[in-house]
Structures are given as structure tokens and as C-alpha cells.
PDB file of N, CA and C in Angstrom:
ATOM      1  N   MET A   1       2.036   2.121 -14.956  1.00  0.00           N
ATOM      2  CA  MET A   1       1.726   3.301 -14.190  1.00  0.00           C
ATOM      3  C   MET A   1       2.889   4.289 -14.250  1.00  0.00           C
ATOM      4  N   PHE A   2       4.102   3.850 -13.938  1.00  0.00           N
ATOM      5  CA  PHE A   2       5.236   4.762 -13.950  1.00  0.00           C
ATOM      6  C   PHE A   2       6.034   4.672 -15.237  1.00  0.00           C
ATOM      7  N   ASP A   3       5.832   3.626 -16.011  1.00  0.00           N
ATOM      8  CA  ASP A   3       6.510   3.428 -17.288  1.00  0.00           C
ATOM      9  C   ASP A   3       8.037   3.515 -17.122  1.00  0.00           C
ATOM     10  N   ILE A   4       8.557   2.719 -16.186  1.00  0.00           N
ATOM     11  CA  ILE A   4      10.001   2.665 -15.941  1.00  0.00           C
ATOM     12  C   ILE A   4      10.535   1.390 -16.576  1.00  0.00           C
ATOM     13  N   GLY A   5      11.541   1.549 -17.404  1.00  0.00           N
ATOM     14  CA  GLY A   5      12.150   0.408 -18.066  1.00  0.00           C
ATOM     15  C   GLY A   5      13.292  -0.173 -17.261  1.00  0.00           C
ATOM     16  N   PHE A   6      13.878  -1.228 -17.820  1.00  0.00           N
ATOM     17  CA  PHE A   6      14.967  -1.919 -17.130  1.00  0.00           C
ATOM     18  C   PHE A   6      16.186  -1.012 -16.974  1.00  0.00           C
ATOM     19  N   SER A   7      16.485  -0.228 -17.994  1.00  0.00           N
ATOM     20  CA  SER A   7      17.669   0.637 -17.927  1.00  0.00           C
ATOM     21  C   SER A   7      17.516   1.695 -16.831  1.00  0.00           C
ATOM     22  N   GLU A   8      16.302   2.226 -16.652  1.00  0.00           N
ATOM     23  CA  GLU A   8      16.087   3.199 -15.580  1.00  0.00           C
ATOM     24  C   GLU A   8      16.229   2.552 -14.204  1.00  0.00           C
ATOM     25  N   LEU A   9      15.755   1.309 -14.072  1.00  0.00           N
ATOM     26  CA  LEU A   9      15.907   0.603 -12.796  1.00  0.00           C
ATOM     27  C   LEU A   9      17.378   0.346 -12.471  1.00  0.00           C
ATOM     28  N   VAL A  10      18.139  -0.041 -13.476  1.00  0.00           N
ATOM     29  CA  VAL A  10      19.568  -0.271 -13.269  1.00  0.00           C
ATOM     30  C   VAL A  10      20.256   1.028 -12.876  1.00  0.00           C
ATOM     31  N   LEU A  11      19.902   2.123 -13.535  1.00  0.00           N
ATOM     32  CA  LEU A  11      20.484   3.421 -13.204  1.00  0.00           C
ATOM     33  C   LEU A  11      20.146   3.818 -11.770  1.00  0.00           C
ATOM     34  N   CYS A  12      18.903   3.612 -11.354  1.00  0.00           N
ATOM     35  CA  CYS A  12      18.514   3.919  -9.969  1.00  0.00           C
ATOM     36  C   CYS A  12      19.285   3.059  -8.979  1.00  0.00           C
ATOM     37  N   ALA A  13      19.484   1.786  -9.305  1.00  0.00           N
ATOM     38  CA  ALA A  13      20.238   0.890  -8.421  1.00  0.00           C
ATOM     39  C   ALA A  13      21.689   1.341  -8.296  1.00  0.00           C
ATOM     40  N   ILE A  14      22.280   1.753  -9.384  1.00  0.00           N
ATOM     41  CA  ILE A  14      23.676   2.220  -9.353  1.00  0.00           C
ATOM     42  C   ILE A  14      23.786   3.498  -8.541  1.00  0.00           C
ATOM     43  N   VAL A  15      22.869   4.423  -8.744  1.00  0.00           N
ATOM     44  CA  VAL A  15      22.891   5.679  -7.979  1.00  0.00           C
ATOM     45  C   VAL A  15      22.708   5.395  -6.488  1.00  0.00           C
ATOM     46  N   ALA A  16      21.773   4.507  -6.144  1.00  0.00           N
ATOM     47  CA  ALA A  16      21.563   4.158  -4.737  1.00  0.00           C
ATOM     48  C   ALA A  16      22.809   3.516  -4.140  1.00  0.00           C
ATOM     49  N   LEU A  17      23.464   2.670  -4.909  1.00  0.00           N
ATOM     50  CA  LEU A  17      24.684   2.023  -4.434  1.00  0.00           C
ATOM     51  C   LEU A  17      25.784   3.044  -4.181  1.00  0.00           C
ATOM     52  N   VAL A  18      25.913   4.016  -5.067  1.00  0.00           N
ATOM     53  CA  VAL A  18      26.943   5.049  -4.912  1.00  0.00           C
ATOM     54  C   VAL A  18      26.610   5.972  -3.739  1.00  0.00           C
ATOM     55  N   VAL A  19      25.343   6.370  -3.614  1.00  0.00           N
ATOM     56  CA  VAL A  19      24.953   7.324  -2.578  1.00  0.00           C
ATOM     57  C   VAL A  19      24.996   6.694  -1.191  1.00  0.00           C
ATOM     58  N   PHE A  20      24.415   5.505  -1.045  1.00  0.00           N
ATOM     59  CA  PHE A  20      24.307   4.901   0.286  1.00  0.00           C
ATOM     60  C   PHE A  20      25.423   3.930   0.612  1.00  0.00           C
ATOM     61  N   GLY A  21      26.081   3.406  -0.379  1.00  0.00           N
ATOM     62  CA  GLY A  21      27.177   2.479  -0.148  1.00  0.00           C
ATOM     63  C   GLY A  21      26.676   1.060   0.039  1.00  0.00           C
ATOM     64  N   PRO A  22      27.567   0.098  -0.176  1.00  0.00           N
ATOM     65  CA  PRO A  22      27.154  -1.307  -0.086  1.00  0.00           C
ATOM     66  C   PRO A  22      26.862  -1.768   1.343  1.00  0.00           C
ATOM     67  N   GLU A  23      27.355  -1.052   2.347  1.00  0.00           N
ATOM     68  CA  GLU A  23      27.103  -1.468   3.724  1.00  0.00           C
ATOM     69  C   GLU A  23      25.704  -1.089   4.185  1.00  0.00           C
ATOM     70  N   LYS A  24      25.236   0.094   3.810  1.00  0.00           N
ATOM     71  CA  LYS A  24      23.949   0.596   4.286  1.00  0.00           C
ATOM     72  C   LYS A  24      22.781   0.222   3.376  1.00  0.00           C
ATOM     73  N   LEU A  25      23.051  -0.169   2.152  1.00  0.00           N
ATOM     74  CA  LEU A  25      21.973  -0.418   1.197  1.00  0.00           C
ATOM     75  C   LEU A  25      21.044  -1.563   1.614  1.00  0.00           C
ATOM     76  N   PRO A  26      21.538  -2.718   2.090  1.00  0.00           N
ATOM     77  CA  PRO A  26      20.603  -3.778   2.510  1.00  0.00           C
ATOM     78  C   PRO A  26      19.690  -3.357   3.663  1.00  0.00           C
ATOM     79  N   ALA A  27      20.235  -2.632   4.636  1.00  0.00           N
ATOM     80  CA  ALA A  27      19.415  -2.168   5.761  1.00  0.00           C
ATOM     81  C   ALA A  27      18.377  -1.156   5.275  1.00  0.00           C
ATOM     82  N   LEU A  28      18.769  -0.311   4.355  1.00  0.00           N
ATOM     83  CA  LEU A  28      17.843   0.669   3.804  1.00  0.00           C
ATOM     84  C   LEU A  28      16.702  -0.023   3.055  1.00  0.00           C
ATOM     85  N   LEU A  29      17.027  -1.032   2.282  1.00  0.00           N
ATOM     86  CA  LEU A  29      15.997  -1.768   1.551  1.00  0.00           C
ATOM     87  C   LEU A  29      15.050  -2.495   2.500  1.00  0.00           C
ATOM     88  N   ARG A  30      15.575  -3.047   3.604  1.00  0.00           N
ATOM     89  CA  ARG A  30      14.721  -3.683   4.606  1.00  0.00           C
ATOM     90  C   ARG A  30      13.770  -2.673   5.234  1.00  0.00           C
ATOM     91  N   ASP A  31      14.291  -1.480   5.563  1.00  0.00           N
ATOM     92  CA  ASP A  31      13.459  -0.444   6.165  1.00  0.00           C
ATOM     93  C   ASP A  31      12.369   0.020   5.198  1.00  0.00           C
ATOM     94  N   ILE A  32      12.728   0.196   3.944  1.00  0.00           N
ATOM     95  CA  ILE A  32      11.748   0.604   2.939  1.00  0.00           C
ATOM     96  C   ILE A  32      10.682  -0.471   2.776  1.00  0.00           C
ATOM     97  N   SER A  33      11.096  -1.718   2.769  1.00  0.00           N
ATOM     98  CA  SER A  33      10.150  -2.823   2.633  1.00  0.00           C
ATOM     99  C   SER A  33       9.199  -2.887   3.823  1.00  0.00           C
ATOM    100  N   ALA A  34       9.720  -2.705   5.024  1.00  0.00           N
ATOM    101  CA  ALA A  34       8.875  -2.727   6.217  1.00  0.00           C
ATOM    102  C   ALA A  34       7.888  -1.560   6.196  1.00  0.00           C
ATOM    103  N   PHE A  35       8.350  -0.387   5.773  1.00  0.00           N
ATOM    104  CA  PHE A  35       7.465   0.776   5.681  1.00  0.00           C
ATOM    105  C   PHE A  35       6.360   0.531   4.661  1.00  0.00           C
ATOM    106  N   ARG A  36       6.724  -0.018   3.516  1.00  0.00           N
ATOM    107  CA  ARG A  36       5.744  -0.311   2.466  1.00  0.00           C
ATOM    108  C   ARG A  36       4.701  -1.322   2.961  1.00  0.00           C
ATOM    109  N   ARG A  37       5.152  -2.319   3.702  1.00  0.00           N
ATOM    110  CA  ARG A  37       4.246  -3.326   4.253  1.00  0.00           C
ATOM    111  C   ARG A  37       3.267  -2.690   5.244  1.00  0.00           C
ATOM    112  N   GLN A  38       3.765  -1.793   6.111  1.00  0.00           N
ATOM    113  CA  GLN A  38       2.906  -1.128   7.084  1.00  0.00           C
ATOM    114  C   GLN A  38       1.868  -0.244   6.391  1.00  0.00           C
ATOM    115  N   VAL A  39       2.299   0.488   5.374  1.00  0.00           N
ATOM    116  CA  VAL A  39       1.372   1.346   4.638  1.00  0.00           C
ATOM    117  C   VAL A  39       0.307   0.492   3.955  1.00  0.00           C
ATOM    118  N   SER A  40       0.714  -0.630   3.399  1.00  0.00           N
ATOM    119  CA  SER A  40      -0.231  -1.523   2.737  1.00  0.00           C
ATOM    120  C   SER A  40      -1.255  -2.071   3.732  1.00  0.00           C
ATOM    121  N   GLN A  41      -0.809  -2.453   4.916  1.00  0.00           N
ATOM    122  CA  GLN A  41      -1.718  -2.955   5.944  1.00  0.00           C
ATOM    123  C   GLN A  41      -2.672  -1.863   6.410  1.00  0.00           C
ATOM    124  N   LEU A  42      -2.158  -0.656   6.615  1.00  0.00           N
ATOM    125  CA  LEU A  42      -3.010   0.447   7.029  1.00  0.00           C
ATOM    126  C   LEU A  42      -4.056   0.759   5.966  1.00  0.00           C
ATOM    127  N   TRP A  43      -3.641   0.752   4.703  1.00  0.00           N
ATOM    128  CA  TRP A  43      -4.561   1.023   3.608  1.00  0.00           C
ATOM    129  C   TRP A  43      -5.642  -0.060   3.547  1.00  0.00           C
ATOM    130  N   GLY A  44      -5.255  -1.304   3.716  1.00  0.00           N
ATOM    131  CA  GLY A  44      -6.214  -2.398   3.712  1.00  0.00           C
ATOM    132  C   GLY A  44      -7.200  -2.293   4.865  1.00  0.00           C
ATOM    133  N   ASN A  45      -6.706  -1.944   6.061  1.00  0.00           N
ATOM    134  CA  ASN A  45      -7.588  -1.775   7.216  1.00  0.00           C
ATOM    135  C   ASN A  45      -8.556  -0.615   7.009  1.00  0.00           C
ATOM    136  N   ALA A  46      -8.068   0.482   6.446  1.00  0.00           N
ATOM    137  CA  ALA A  46      -8.934   1.632   6.188  1.00  0.00           C
ATOM    138  C   ALA A  46      -9.993   1.275   5.157  1.00  0.00           C
ATOM    139  N   ARG A  47      -9.611   0.564   4.123  1.00  0.00           N
ATOM    140  CA  ARG A  47     -10.567   0.152   3.096  1.00  0.00           C
ATOM    141  C   ARG A  47     -11.635  -0.775   3.687  1.00  0.00           C
ATOM    142  N   GLN A  48     -11.198  -1.721   4.521  1.00  0.00           N
ATOM    143  CA  GLN A  48     -12.133  -2.659   5.145  1.00  0.00           C
ATOM    144  C   GLN A  48     -13.095  -1.924   6.082  1.00  0.00           C
ATOM    145  N   SER A  49     -12.589  -0.990   6.862  1.00  0.00           N
ATOM    146  CA  SER A  49     -13.421  -0.226   7.778  1.00  0.00           C
ATOM    147  C   SER A  49     -14.435   0.620   7.008  1.00  0.00           C
ATOM    148  N   LEU A  50     -13.989   1.250   5.941  1.00  0.00           N
ATOM    149  CA  LEU A  50     -14.887   2.056   5.124  1.00  0.00           C
ATOM    150  C   LEU A  50     -15.964   1.184   4.480  1.00  0.00           C
ATOM    151  N   GLN A  51     -15.594   0.007   4.022  1.00  0.00           N
ATOM    152  CA  GLN A  51     -16.568  -0.891   3.412  1.00  0.00           C
ATOM    153  C   GLN A  51     -17.619  -1.336   4.429  1.00  0.00           C
ATOM    154  N   LYS A  52     -17.196  -1.614   5.668  1.00  0.00           N
ATOM    155  CA  LYS A  52     -18.147  -1.990   6.716  1.00  0.00           C
ATOM    156  C   LYS A  52     -19.136  -0.863   6.979  1.00  0.00           C
ATOM    157  N   GLU A  53     -18.620   0.361   7.043  1.00  0.00           N
ATOM    158  CA  GLU A  53     -19.500   1.505   7.284  1.00  0.00           C
ATOM    159  C   GLU A  53     -20.471   1.702   6.128  1.00  0.00           C
ATOM    160  N   LEU A  54     -19.994   1.575   4.909  1.00  0.00           N
ATOM    161  CA  LEU A  54     -20.871   1.725   3.752  1.00  0.00           C
ATOM    162  C   LEU A  54     -21.929   0.632   3.709  1.00  0.00           C
ATOM    163  N   ASP A  55     -21.553  -0.585   4.063  1.00  0.00           N
ATOM    164  CA  ASP A  55     -22.519  -1.679   4.113  1.00  0.00           C
ATOM    165  C   ASP A  55     -23.576  -1.422   5.189  1.00  0.00           C
ATOM    166  N   ALA A  56     -23.155  -0.877   6.332  1.00  0.00           N
ATOM    167  CA  ALA A  56     -24.101  -0.579   7.405  1.00  0.00           C
ATOM    168  C   ALA A  56     -25.069   0.519   6.976  1.00  0.00           C
ATOM    169  N   VAL A  57     -24.574   1.524   6.294  1.00  0.00           N
ATOM    170  CA  VAL A  57     -25.444   2.601   5.814  1.00  0.00           C
ATOM    171  C   VAL A  57     -26.405   2.077   4.759  1.00  0.00           C
ATOM    172  N   ALA A  58     -25.907   1.233   3.860  1.00  0.00           N
ATOM    173  CA  ALA A  58     -26.768   0.660   2.818  1.00  0.00           C
ATOM    174  C   ALA A  58     -27.843  -0.215   3.432  1.00  0.00           C
ATOM    175  N   ALA A  59     -27.495  -0.964   4.468  1.00  0.00           N
ATOM    176  CA  ALA A  59     -28.487  -1.836   5.130  1.00  0.00           C
ATOM    177  C   ALA A  59     -29.529  -0.999   5.860  1.00  0.00           C
ATOM    178  N   ALA A  60     -29.123   0.123   6.444  1.00  0.00           N
ATOM    179  CA  ALA A  60     -30.055   0.982   7.162  1.00  0.00           C
ATOM    180  C   ALA A  60     -30.988   1.697   6.192  1.00  0.00           C
ATOM    181  N   ASP A  61     -30.523   2.018   5.000  1.00  0.00           N
ATOM    182  CA  ASP A  61     -31.338   2.714   4.014  1.00  0.00           C
ATOM    183  C   ASP A  61     -32.255   1.784   3.245  1.00  0.00           C
ATOM    184  N   LYS A  62     -32.007   0.483   3.315  1.00  0.00           N
ATOM    185  CA  LYS A  62     -32.825  -0.476   2.578  1.00  0.00           C
ATOM    186  C   LYS A  62     -34.208  -0.553   3.224  1.00  0.00           C
ATOM    187  N   PRO A  63     -35.260  -0.467   2.400  1.00  0.00           N
ATOM    188  CA  PRO A  63     -36.609  -0.565   2.983  1.00  0.00           C
ATOM    189  C   PRO A  63     -36.839  -1.969   3.544  1.00  0.00           C
ATOM    190  N   GLN A  64     -37.488  -2.016   4.682  1.00  0.00           N
ATOM    191  CA  GLN A  64     -37.763  -3.270   5.347  1.00  0.00           C
ATOM    192  C   GLN A  64     -39.027  -3.903   4.760  1.00  0.00           C
ATOM    193  N   ASP A  65     -39.056  -5.213   4.669  1.00  0.00           N
ATOM    194  CA  ASP A  65     -40.258  -5.923   4.208  1.00  0.00           C
ATOM    195  C   ASP A  65     -41.313  -5.849   5.314  1.00  0.00           C
ATOM    196  N   PRO A  66     -42.571  -5.593   4.923  1.00  0.00           N
ATOM    197  CA  PRO A  66     -43.620  -5.565   5.953  1.00  0.00           C
ATOM    198  C   PRO A  66     -43.860  -6.948   6.518  1.00  0.00           C
ATOM    199  N   GLN A  67     -44.154  -7.013   7.778  1.00  0.00           N
ATOM    200  CA  GLN A  67     -44.424  -8.268   8.456  1.00  0.00           C
ATOM    201  C   GLN A  67     -45.851  -8.718   8.123  1.00  0.00           C
ATOM    202  N   PRO A  68     -46.053  -9.983   7.763  1.00  0.00           N
ATOM    203  CA  PRO A  68     -47.415 -10.440   7.431  1.00  0.00           C
ATOM    204  C   PRO A  68     -48.281 -10.599   8.635  1.00  0.00           C
TER     205      PRO A  68
END
């Protein structure tokens, strides 16, 4: 998707280390990880809710079998 190689990742890590310093970098990575986890959970909940609504609409639009 992003087509990032190993050398680009190493360069980003070095830049992050220089910009944020070795003291703040672990806390920053934890915060980024927690944010990513929350976004992933929200996205999953939204997808699940949308799927439930679509299933309900599909069930309501389905023709009912006549009763014998």
C-alpha cells in the first residue's frame, strides 16, 4: 500500500529518535499504539453496526412466504 522499504523505515526511526529523543520516544510509541487500537475498535464497531442495519433492511425487503 505505501511501498516503504527497510531503508525508509530506518530513516524514519532515526529522525524520530533525533526529534523526540530517547526519553520521550517509548511513551510516544505507546500513545500512538493506544490511539491506533482505539481507531481500530471504533472502525470495527461502525462496520458491525452498519452490517446489522443492512441485514435488517435486507430482511425487511425480502418477500415473505405466503402462509398455507
